[in-house]
Amino acid sequence: MEGNKGREQLHKRNLRLVLQQIFNHKMISRIEISRHLKLYKSTVSTLYNELSDKGYVEELGRGKSTSVRGRKPVLVTINAHYGYTLNFVLGLEKLHVMANYLNGDVLFTREIEIVNRDIYKVVKIIDAEVESSLKRDQTDHGLLGIGFAVHGIVSDNRIISSPFMNMAGIELVSRYAEKYGVPVHVENEANLLAIYHRDFNRYNQARNLLAITVDKGFGAGIILNNQLYQGYGGAAGEIGQTIIYNNCLNKNQRFRVDDICSERAVIAGIENQLHKDQLDIDRLAAMRQAGNPIVCDALGKFAGSVASLIFNVASVIAPEKIYLTSPILSASPSLFKIVTKDIRQLGMQTPILLTIRTRDAITLGCCSAITHQVLGMDGYELTFRSSSNRASKLK
């Protein structure tokens, strides 16, 4: 019995390794797979046939011969149209929706306003999106899985806390898994941003990286040795909840980072000083460009605080690369230069890149997470090729 169990486990492992090779290459032959994995050609052929019978692979034709008179090998790739995943980012103001083929290619994407809508209304919108996708589906096996990106702490595929949306006891995973009979995955958006840079960013080349989000809150996604690090209870990366101590004017004061260094806090402070309401990021960028002293001073301090926090976190994690996303810094590139300059002056030389089109990046990270689950490939490295690089380094 033990011998049969061992052989079965080895078979499953080798099957996943062959699938990984096919997934991670635009096109590959069984001979190349055999060479990469150091497995007998006959073993690879058996495993390949099993994957082919399940519909996971697609033959592209014959490649170049490996010898003068040898037969040209058959090139194969992942069958993108095997099925699709649906991925949702539950933002504060918008619901970002993206459908992806099995290889990560985008089937469709859209944003839906959800301002002032509670979780019950948001769920109804999600239901409508799922049903609409099912009606239009033309893939071989239809809906394969659903992914959700949320603000807050997530552990063991459950939302532990969500500071900006009251979940009202609704369990997204069990609700949609039971309704549609597919795997469902929920994850913190900063973690998914880190997964995106690990799996979709072909320029990454880093096994240890830090993805920092400076938006309504201040958070981080951490990849260590190419694996997502979530910490105990999923609370790793909650920078916004850390404490800053200030004894200015002999008054012992403690602040949470989110209360003084998040974009929400900075904008609120500027509105208070200017006696204006509903200032948006584009307006602030224009006011800074025009030289408004209050805005220039506040955003300058904001950039300095961001630089200090990044330096502190990176000093603990020691990443090879840091990816930063911030609507304010994206709207004012010169502020990002201040951040990087301050960090360099502090003595840190780690490359820092500004992520653009952040919502797309988070949704693609969500696609990767649920695709791993759909394929039973958790813990295996999958490289998606469908997305152009969405991180640009500013000089």
Protein backbone atom coordinates (compact mmCIF):
# COMPACT_ATOMS: atom_id res chain seq x y z
CA MET A 1 0.00 0.00 0.00
CA GLU A 2 2.79 2.43 0.91
CA GLY A 3 4.51 1.68 -2.39
CA ASN A 4 1.33 2.40 -4.36
CA LYS A 5 0.80 5.64 -2.46
CA GLY A 6 4.37 6.73 -3.15
CA ARG A 7 4.03 5.97 -6.87
CA GLU A 8 0.75 7.87 -7.01
CA GLN A 9 2.31 10.92 -5.34
CA LEU A 10 5.28 10.79 -7.72
CA HIS A 11 2.91 10.53 -10.69
CA LYS A 12 0.93 13.58 -9.54
CA ARG A 13 4.10 15.58 -8.96
CA ASN A 14 5.50 14.72 -12.39
CA LEU A 15 2.15 15.50 -14.01
CA ARG A 16 2.20 18.96 -12.44
CA LEU A 17 5.81 19.49 -13.50
CA VAL A 18 4.96 18.65 -17.12
CA LEU A 19 1.93 20.97 -16.98
CA GLN A 20 4.16 23.67 -15.50
CA GLN A 21 6.61 23.34 -18.40
CA ILE A 22 3.82 23.63 -20.95
CA PHE A 23 2.22 26.57 -19.14
CA ASN A 24 5.47 28.51 -18.74
CA HIS A 25 6.60 28.25 -22.36
CA LYS A 26 4.96 29.90 -25.32
CA MET A 27 5.62 26.66 -27.19
CA ILE A 28 7.55 23.57 -26.24
CA SER A 29 8.04 19.99 -27.40
CA ARG A 30 7.91 16.80 -25.37
CA ILE A 31 11.62 16.30 -26.10
CA GLU A 32 12.40 19.68 -24.50
CA ILE A 33 10.20 18.87 -21.51
CA SER A 34 12.05 15.57 -21.08
CA ARG A 35 15.37 17.42 -21.18
CA HIS A 36 14.29 20.14 -18.73
CA LEU A 37 12.83 17.72 -16.20
CA LYS A 38 15.38 14.93 -16.73
CA LEU A 39 12.58 12.41 -17.24
CA TYR A 40 12.44 9.56 -19.76
CA LYS A 41 10.75 10.50 -23.05
CA SER A 42 8.27 7.66 -22.58
CA THR A 43 7.34 9.00 -19.12
CA VAL A 44 6.79 12.50 -20.49
CA SER A 45 4.69 11.13 -23.36
CA THR A 46 2.45 9.26 -20.92
CA LEU A 47 2.00 12.34 -18.75
CA TYR A 48 1.46 14.55 -21.79
CA ASN A 49 -1.23 12.22 -23.12
CA GLU A 50 -3.03 12.42 -19.77
CA LEU A 51 -3.01 16.23 -19.91
CA SER A 52 -4.10 16.13 -23.55
CA ASP A 53 -7.03 13.84 -22.71
CA LYS A 54 -8.13 16.39 -20.10
CA GLY A 55 -7.97 19.15 -22.72
CA TYR A 56 -5.25 21.24 -21.06
CA VAL A 57 -2.87 21.31 -24.06
CA GLU A 58 -3.05 22.41 -27.67
CA GLU A 59 -0.76 21.29 -30.49
CA LEU A 60 0.72 24.07 -32.63
CA GLY A 61 2.46 22.06 -35.35
CA ARG A 62 5.96 20.81 -35.87
CA GLY A 63 9.12 22.66 -34.97
CA LYS A 64 12.69 22.27 -36.17
CA SER A 65 14.27 18.85 -36.29
CA THR A 66 16.81 18.08 -33.59
CA SER A 67 18.98 16.02 -35.95
CA VAL A 68 19.80 15.89 -39.66
CA ARG A 69 17.22 13.21 -40.50
CA GLY A 70 15.16 13.21 -37.35
CA ARG A 71 11.44 13.87 -37.24
CA LYS A 72 10.38 17.39 -36.39
CA PRO A 73 8.99 17.50 -32.83
CA VAL A 74 5.38 18.52 -32.21
CA LEU A 75 5.16 21.87 -30.44
CA VAL A 76 2.49 22.30 -27.77
CA THR A 77 1.09 25.07 -25.61
CA ILE A 78 -1.52 25.51 -22.91
CA ASN A 79 -5.09 25.45 -24.24
CA ALA A 80 -6.14 29.01 -23.39
CA HIS A 81 -9.75 28.31 -24.36
CA TYR A 82 -10.04 25.39 -21.94
CA GLY A 83 -12.09 27.74 -19.75
CA TYR A 84 -12.06 31.11 -18.03
CA THR A 85 -11.84 32.69 -14.59
CA LEU A 86 -13.70 35.73 -13.29
CA ASN A 87 -11.85 38.17 -11.06
CA PHE A 88 -13.20 41.08 -9.00
CA VAL A 89 -11.49 43.94 -7.15
CA LEU A 90 -13.83 45.35 -4.49
CA GLY A 91 -12.67 48.96 -4.34
CA LEU A 92 -14.14 51.80 -2.36
CA GLU A 93 -15.71 53.51 -5.35
CA LYS A 94 -15.57 50.96 -8.17
CA LEU A 95 -15.91 47.25 -8.75
CA HIS A 96 -13.24 46.18 -11.22
CA VAL A 97 -14.22 43.08 -13.24
CA MET A 98 -11.94 40.99 -15.43
CA ALA A 99 -12.46 37.67 -17.18
CA ASN A 100 -9.35 35.70 -18.15
CA TYR A 101 -8.70 32.65 -20.26
CA LEU A 102 -6.75 29.83 -18.64
CA ASN A 103 -3.38 31.28 -19.74
CA GLY A 104 -4.23 34.71 -18.31
CA ASP A 105 -5.23 36.41 -21.57
CA VAL A 106 -7.93 39.00 -20.91
CA LEU A 107 -11.36 38.04 -22.21
CA PHE A 108 -13.02 41.28 -21.08
CA THR A 109 -12.68 43.92 -18.39
CA ARG A 110 -14.88 46.69 -17.01
CA GLU A 111 -15.42 48.99 -14.03
CA ILE A 112 -18.74 49.55 -12.25
CA GLU A 113 -19.50 52.42 -9.87
CA ILE A 114 -20.34 51.18 -6.36
CA VAL A 115 -20.15 54.43 -4.38
CA ASN A 116 -22.52 54.33 -1.39
CA ARG A 117 -23.59 50.75 -2.17
CA ASP A 118 -23.52 48.22 0.64
CA ILE A 119 -22.22 44.67 0.30
CA TYR A 120 -25.71 43.33 -0.51
CA LYS A 121 -25.98 45.59 -3.57
CA VAL A 122 -22.40 44.82 -4.58
CA VAL A 123 -23.10 41.09 -4.40
CA LYS A 124 -26.11 41.55 -6.70
CA ILE A 125 -23.83 43.27 -9.22
CA ILE A 126 -21.32 40.43 -8.95
CA ASP A 127 -24.13 37.89 -9.46
CA ALA A 128 -25.22 39.70 -12.63
CA GLU A 129 -21.65 39.75 -13.96
CA VAL A 130 -21.21 36.02 -13.37
CA GLU A 131 -24.53 35.17 -15.03
CA SER A 132 -23.76 37.44 -17.99
CA SER A 133 -20.38 35.77 -18.51
CA LEU A 134 -21.97 32.32 -18.44
CA LYS A 135 -24.43 33.29 -21.16
CA ARG A 136 -21.66 34.58 -23.43
CA ASP A 137 -19.22 31.77 -22.72
CA GLN A 138 -17.67 30.02 -25.73
CA THR A 139 -14.83 28.14 -24.01
CA ASP A 140 -14.50 24.36 -23.78
CA HIS A 141 -15.30 23.99 -20.06
CA GLY A 142 -16.77 27.35 -19.07
CA LEU A 143 -16.26 29.05 -15.72
CA LEU A 144 -13.31 27.51 -13.87
CA GLY A 145 -12.99 29.71 -10.79
CA ILE A 146 -13.71 33.10 -9.22
CA GLY A 147 -11.22 35.41 -7.51
CA PHE A 148 -11.79 38.38 -5.20
CA ALA A 149 -9.39 41.15 -4.18
CA VAL A 150 -10.31 43.11 -1.06
CA HIS A 151 -8.95 45.72 1.31
CA GLY A 152 -8.24 44.20 4.70
CA ILE A 153 -6.82 41.10 6.32
CA VAL A 154 -7.43 37.70 4.72
CA SER A 155 -6.45 34.37 6.26
CA ASP A 156 -7.17 30.81 5.11
CA ASN A 157 -9.35 32.14 2.28
CA ARG A 158 -11.56 34.13 4.67
CA ILE A 159 -11.90 37.88 5.14
CA ILE A 160 -10.90 38.55 8.76
CA SER A 161 -11.39 42.32 8.65
CA SER A 162 -12.35 44.82 5.96
CA PRO A 163 -11.92 48.47 7.07
CA PHE A 164 -13.70 50.13 4.15
CA MET A 165 -16.64 47.79 3.49
CA ASN A 166 -18.89 46.11 6.02
CA MET A 167 -19.14 42.50 4.82
CA ALA A 168 -22.24 42.00 7.03
CA GLY A 169 -21.46 38.34 7.58
CA ILE A 170 -21.37 37.50 3.87
CA GLU A 171 -18.75 34.83 3.12
CA LEU A 172 -17.80 35.34 -0.53
CA VAL A 173 -15.94 32.04 -0.85
CA SER A 174 -18.67 29.72 0.41
CA ARG A 175 -21.43 31.70 -1.30
CA TYR A 176 -19.97 31.50 -4.81
CA ALA A 177 -18.39 28.06 -4.43
CA GLU A 178 -21.76 26.59 -3.49
CA LYS A 179 -23.66 28.54 -6.15
CA TYR A 180 -21.39 27.76 -9.11
CA GLY A 181 -19.47 24.68 -8.02
CA VAL A 182 -16.04 26.16 -8.80
CA PRO A 183 -13.00 27.09 -6.67
CA VAL A 184 -13.20 30.60 -5.19
CA HIS A 185 -10.23 32.53 -3.84
CA VAL A 186 -10.14 35.76 -1.83
CA GLU A 187 -6.99 37.73 -1.06
CA ASN A 188 -5.72 41.09 0.13
CA GLU A 189 -5.12 43.47 -2.78
CA ALA A 190 -1.51 44.32 -1.81
CA ASN A 191 -0.71 40.59 -1.75
CA LEU A 192 -2.24 40.22 -5.21
CA LEU A 193 -0.18 43.14 -6.47
CA ALA A 194 2.93 41.29 -5.28
CA ILE A 195 1.71 38.11 -7.01
CA TYR A 196 1.18 40.09 -10.21
CA HIS A 197 4.78 41.31 -10.22
CA ARG A 198 6.01 37.79 -9.50
CA ASP A 199 3.96 36.04 -12.20
CA PHE A 200 3.08 38.56 -14.94
CA ASN A 201 6.01 40.97 -14.93
CA ARG A 202 8.57 39.49 -17.32
CA TYR A 203 11.13 42.10 -16.22
CA ASN A 204 10.90 41.13 -12.56
CA GLN A 205 13.61 38.45 -12.20
CA ALA A 206 13.41 38.76 -8.40
CA ARG A 207 12.52 35.99 -5.98
CA ASN A 208 12.20 38.40 -3.06
CA LEU A 209 10.12 41.50 -3.64
CA LEU A 210 7.99 44.06 -1.86
CA ALA A 211 4.82 45.59 -3.35
CA ILE A 212 3.72 48.66 -1.40
CA THR A 213 0.33 50.33 -1.84
CA VAL A 214 -0.22 53.91 -0.69
CA ASP A 215 -3.88 54.63 -1.27
CA LYS A 216 -6.74 54.83 1.21
CA GLY A 217 -4.43 52.78 3.42
CA PHE A 218 -0.74 51.89 3.58
CA GLY A 219 -0.07 48.20 2.93
CA ALA A 220 2.45 45.76 1.52
CA GLY A 221 2.51 42.44 -0.29
CA ILE A 222 5.61 40.35 0.41
CA ILE A 223 7.16 37.66 -1.78
CA LEU A 224 9.94 35.66 -0.10
CA ASN A 225 11.78 32.99 -2.09
CA ASN A 226 9.05 33.31 -4.75
CA GLN A 227 6.24 32.49 -2.29
CA LEU A 228 3.66 34.87 -0.87
CA TYR A 229 4.33 35.57 2.80
CA GLN A 230 1.11 36.29 4.71
CA GLY A 231 2.28 35.94 8.30
CA TYR A 232 0.26 34.69 11.24
CA GLY A 233 -3.44 35.28 10.68
CA GLY A 234 -2.74 36.91 7.31
CA ALA A 235 -1.67 40.14 9.00
CA ALA A 236 1.78 40.55 7.37
CA GLY A 237 2.21 43.80 5.48
CA GLU A 238 -0.32 45.85 7.48
CA ILE A 239 1.98 48.88 7.56
CA GLY A 240 -0.93 51.26 8.03
CA GLN A 241 -1.68 49.77 11.44
CA THR A 242 1.84 50.30 12.78
CA ILE A 243 2.41 53.01 15.40
CA ILE A 244 4.34 56.26 15.06
CA TYR A 245 5.33 57.83 18.39
CA ASN A 246 5.66 61.59 18.78
CA ASN A 247 6.52 63.49 21.99
CA CYS A 248 6.39 66.92 20.39
CA LEU A 249 5.60 69.73 22.86
CA ASN A 250 6.05 67.24 25.70
CA LYS A 251 2.77 65.55 24.76
CA ASN A 252 3.02 61.80 24.39
CA GLN A 253 1.12 61.01 21.22
CA ARG A 254 0.76 57.83 19.24
CA PHE A 255 -0.54 57.69 15.68
CA ARG A 256 -1.31 54.90 13.30
CA VAL A 257 0.41 55.28 9.93
CA ASP A 258 -2.93 55.24 8.08
CA ASP A 259 -4.14 58.18 10.17
CA ILE A 260 -1.35 60.52 9.11
CA CYS A 261 0.48 59.08 6.07
CA SER A 262 -2.22 57.57 3.86
CA GLU A 263 -3.49 59.52 0.86
CA ARG A 264 -6.87 59.78 2.56
CA ALA A 265 -5.26 61.51 5.56
CA VAL A 266 -3.13 63.83 3.40
CA ILE A 267 -6.07 64.94 1.26
CA ALA A 268 -8.23 65.51 4.35
CA GLY A 269 -5.47 67.65 5.87
CA ILE A 270 -5.14 69.77 2.73
CA GLU A 271 -8.92 70.22 2.49
CA ASN A 272 -8.99 71.37 6.11
CA GLN A 273 -6.25 73.96 5.55
CA LEU A 274 -7.75 75.26 2.30
CA HIS A 275 -11.34 75.10 3.57
CA LYS A 276 -12.30 73.12 0.47
CA ASP A 277 -14.21 69.88 0.06
CA GLN A 278 -13.85 66.93 -2.31
CA LEU A 279 -10.40 67.70 -3.68
CA ASP A 280 -9.33 64.92 -6.02
CA ILE A 281 -5.83 63.79 -6.88
CA ASP A 282 -5.73 65.42 -10.31
CA ARG A 283 -6.75 68.74 -8.78
CA LEU A 284 -4.04 68.45 -6.12
CA ALA A 285 -1.44 67.66 -8.79
CA ALA A 286 -2.47 70.76 -10.73
CA MET A 287 -2.36 72.93 -7.59
CA ARG A 288 1.10 71.63 -6.78
CA GLN A 289 2.22 72.33 -10.34
CA ALA A 290 0.88 75.88 -9.96
CA GLY A 291 2.93 76.31 -6.78
CA ASN A 292 0.19 76.42 -4.14
CA PRO A 293 2.29 76.62 -0.94
CA ILE A 294 -0.07 74.60 1.27
CA VAL A 295 -0.35 71.79 -1.27
CA CYS A 296 3.39 71.82 -2.04
CA ASP A 297 4.27 71.65 1.66
CA ALA A 298 1.77 68.87 2.45
CA LEU A 299 2.71 66.71 -0.53
CA GLY A 300 6.41 67.25 0.11
CA LYS A 301 5.99 65.99 3.68
CA PHE A 302 3.88 63.12 2.34
CA ALA A 303 6.68 62.08 -0.05
CA GLY A 304 9.21 62.23 2.81
CA SER A 305 6.99 60.09 5.05
CA VAL A 306 6.51 57.52 2.27
CA ALA A 307 10.27 57.36 1.73
CA SER A 308 10.93 56.80 5.45
CA LEU A 309 8.29 54.07 5.73
CA ILE A 310 9.55 52.26 2.64
CA PHE A 311 13.10 52.43 3.97
CA ASN A 312 12.04 51.00 7.33
CA VAL A 313 10.02 48.13 5.86
CA ALA A 314 12.62 47.29 3.22
CA SER A 315 15.34 47.27 5.89
CA VAL A 316 13.47 44.44 7.62
CA ILE A 317 12.45 42.46 4.51
CA ALA A 318 15.57 43.12 2.39
CA PRO A 319 13.84 42.69 -1.00
CA GLU A 320 15.61 42.60 -4.35
CA LYS A 321 13.02 44.97 -5.84
CA ILE A 322 10.35 47.31 -4.51
CA TYR A 323 7.17 48.06 -6.45
CA LEU A 324 5.24 51.11 -5.32
CA THR A 325 1.68 52.07 -6.24
CA SER A 326 0.18 55.41 -5.31
CA PRO A 327 -2.38 57.53 -7.21
CA ILE A 328 -0.82 60.75 -5.90
CA LEU A 329 2.71 59.75 -6.94
CA SER A 330 1.43 58.58 -10.33
CA ALA A 331 -0.31 61.94 -10.86
CA SER A 332 2.85 63.85 -9.81
CA PRO A 333 5.92 61.97 -11.11
CA SER A 334 8.26 64.54 -9.60
CA LEU A 335 7.00 63.47 -6.16
CA PHE A 336 8.06 59.92 -6.92
CA LYS A 337 11.52 61.25 -7.72
CA ILE A 338 11.58 62.88 -4.28
CA VAL A 339 10.70 59.53 -2.69
CA THR A 340 13.46 57.67 -4.52
CA LYS A 341 15.99 60.43 -3.87
CA ASP A 342 15.23 60.41 -0.13
CA ILE A 343 15.60 56.64 0.01
CA ARG A 344 18.92 56.79 -1.82
CA GLN A 345 20.14 59.43 0.62
CA LEU A 346 19.24 57.07 3.46
CA GLY A 347 21.64 54.58 1.89
CA MET A 348 19.32 52.06 0.25
CA GLN A 349 20.06 51.13 -3.37
CA THR A 350 17.24 48.62 -3.94
CA PRO A 351 15.49 49.31 -7.28
CA ILE A 352 12.16 51.08 -6.76
CA LEU A 353 9.56 51.03 -9.53
CA LEU A 354 6.22 52.79 -9.78
CA THR A 355 3.32 50.54 -10.78
CA ILE A 356 0.91 51.99 -13.32
CA ARG A 357 -2.62 50.79 -14.12
CA THR A 358 -2.77 49.41 -10.62
CA ARG A 359 -6.32 48.00 -10.75
CA ASP A 360 -5.43 45.91 -13.80
CA ALA A 361 -2.30 44.68 -12.04
CA ILE A 362 -4.25 43.67 -8.91
CA THR A 363 -6.91 41.91 -10.99
CA LEU A 364 -4.25 40.01 -12.94
CA GLY A 365 -2.68 38.99 -9.63
CA CYS A 366 -6.12 37.72 -8.64
CA CYS A 367 -6.25 35.78 -11.93
CA SER A 368 -2.93 34.12 -11.12
CA ALA A 369 -4.04 33.14 -7.61
CA ILE A 370 -7.26 31.47 -8.74
CA THR A 371 -5.59 29.87 -11.78
CA HIS A 372 -3.05 28.20 -9.49
CA GLN A 373 -5.95 26.85 -7.45
CA VAL A 374 -7.94 25.70 -10.51
CA LEU A 375 -4.96 23.76 -11.86
CA GLY A 376 -3.97 22.35 -8.47
CA MET A 377 -0.64 24.16 -8.84
CA ASP A 378 -0.36 25.98 -5.49
CA GLY A 379 3.34 26.21 -4.68
CA TYR A 380 4.38 25.79 -8.33
CA GLU A 381 5.79 28.74 -10.27
CA LEU A 382 3.59 29.76 -13.20
CA THR A 383 4.64 32.47 -15.64
CA PHE A 384 1.90 34.35 -17.45
CA ARG A 385 2.79 35.99 -20.74
CA SER A 386 -0.38 37.84 -21.70
CA SER A 387 0.26 41.12 -19.95
CA SER A 388 2.64 43.87 -21.00
CA ASN A 389 4.86 45.14 -18.23
CA ARG A 390 2.88 47.57 -16.07
CA ALA A 391 5.75 48.83 -13.94
CA SER A 392 7.89 51.66 -15.22
CA LYS A 393 11.02 52.98 -13.58
CA LEU A 394 11.10 56.76 -13.49
CA LYS A 395 14.46 58.41 -14.02
